[in-house]
């Protein structure tokens, strides 16, 4: 739900300075910020919870 509007907005903003590479950079940035970072946080929290149960 958040990725599409963020990607479109960032793509439109980055077209001016980077041209055709702007949407590609926007997609990479949005995927990194909206999918990868939260997933890494979730994995870290789950690993911590598993370790707490084992101790």
C-alpha atoms as a PDB file:
ATOM      1  CA  UNK A   1       0.000   0.000   0.000  1.00  0.00           C
ATOM      2  CA  UNK A   2       2.833   2.401   0.750  1.00  0.00           C
ATOM      3  CA  UNK A   3       5.336   1.266  -1.877  1.00  0.00           C
ATOM      4  CA  UNK A   4       3.410   2.388  -4.962  1.00  0.00           C
ATOM      5  CA  UNK A   5       2.766   6.035  -4.008  1.00  0.00           C
ATOM      6  CA  UNK A   6       6.262   6.383  -2.559  1.00  0.00           C
ATOM      7  CA  UNK A   7       7.807   4.943  -5.717  1.00  0.00           C
ATOM      8  CA  UNK A   8       5.749   7.129  -8.068  1.00  0.00           C
ATOM      9  CA  UNK A   9       6.443  10.282  -6.080  1.00  0.00           C
ATOM     10  CA  UNK A  10      10.145   9.602  -5.763  1.00  0.00           C
ATOM     11  CA  UNK A  11      10.356   8.617  -9.443  1.00  0.00           C
ATOM     12  CA  UNK A  12       8.812  11.892 -10.531  1.00  0.00           C
ATOM     13  CA  UNK A  13      11.157  13.803  -8.251  1.00  0.00           C
ATOM     14  CA  UNK A  14      14.289  11.969  -9.451  1.00  0.00           C
ATOM     15  CA  UNK A  15      13.516  12.197 -13.179  1.00  0.00           C
ATOM     16  CA  UNK A  16      14.718  15.809 -13.317  1.00  0.00           C
ATOM     17  CA  UNK A  17      18.235  15.294 -11.937  1.00  0.00           C
ATOM     18  CA  UNK A  18      18.871  11.752 -13.230  1.00  0.00           C
ATOM     19  CA  UNK A  19      16.718  11.416 -16.339  1.00  0.00           C
ATOM     20  CA  UNK A  20      15.702   7.874 -17.277  1.00  0.00           C
ATOM     21  CA  UNK A  21      17.739   6.440 -14.392  1.00  0.00           C
ATOM     22  CA  UNK A  22      15.551   8.317 -11.879  1.00  0.00           C
ATOM     23  CA  UNK A  23      12.740   5.734 -11.736  1.00  0.00           C
ATOM     24  CA  UNK A  24      15.257   2.901 -11.436  1.00  0.00           C
ATOM     25  CA  UNK A  25      16.959   4.632  -8.514  1.00  0.00           C
ATOM     26  CA  UNK A  26      13.570   5.389  -6.968  1.00  0.00           C
ATOM     27  CA  UNK A  27      12.548   1.734  -7.173  1.00  0.00           C
ATOM     28  CA  UNK A  28      15.785   0.592  -5.566  1.00  0.00           C
ATOM     29  CA  UNK A  29      15.498   3.163  -2.787  1.00  0.00           C
ATOM     30  CA  UNK A  30      11.844   2.372  -2.080  1.00  0.00           C
ATOM     31  CA  UNK A  31      12.429  -1.371  -1.972  1.00  0.00           C
ATOM     32  CA  UNK A  32      15.365  -0.858   0.374  1.00  0.00           C
ATOM     33  CA  UNK A  33      13.516   1.462   2.729  1.00  0.00           C
ATOM     34  CA  UNK A  34      10.030  -0.029   2.654  1.00  0.00           C
ATOM     35  CA  UNK A  35      10.718  -3.776   2.323  1.00  0.00           C
ATOM     36  CA  UNK A  36      14.273  -4.681   3.285  1.00  0.00           C
ATOM     37  CA  UNK A  37      14.782  -2.516   6.391  1.00  0.00           C
ATOM     38  CA  UNK A  38      11.518  -3.535   8.113  1.00  0.00           C
ATOM     39  CA  UNK A  39      12.210  -7.185   7.273  1.00  0.00           C
ATOM     40  CA  UNK A  40      15.652  -6.967   8.863  1.00  0.00           C
ATOM     41  CA  UNK A  41      14.141  -5.433  11.985  1.00  0.00           C
ATOM     42  CA  UNK A  42      11.506  -8.172  12.159  1.00  0.00           C
ATOM     43  CA  UNK A  43      14.091 -10.925  11.762  1.00  0.00           C
ATOM     44  CA  UNK A  44      16.231  -9.377  14.484  1.00  0.00           C
ATOM     45  CA  UNK A  45      13.289  -9.194  16.887  1.00  0.00           C
ATOM     46  CA  UNK A  46      12.268 -12.784  16.180  1.00  0.00           C
ATOM     47  CA  UNK A  47      15.810 -14.062  16.667  1.00  0.00           C
ATOM     48  CA  UNK A  48      15.985 -12.215  19.979  1.00  0.00           C
ATOM     49  CA  UNK A  49      12.667 -13.755  21.088  1.00  0.00           C
ATOM     50  CA  UNK A  50      13.843 -17.257  20.154  1.00  0.00           C
ATOM     51  CA  UNK A  51      17.103 -16.787  22.068  1.00  0.00           C
ATOM     52  CA  UNK A  52      15.155 -15.557  25.110  1.00  0.00           C
ATOM     53  CA  UNK A  53      13.037 -18.721  25.089  1.00  0.00           C
ATOM     54  CA  UNK A  54      16.094 -20.968  24.861  1.00  0.00           C
ATOM     55  CA  UNK A  55      17.837 -19.428  27.868  1.00  0.00           C
END
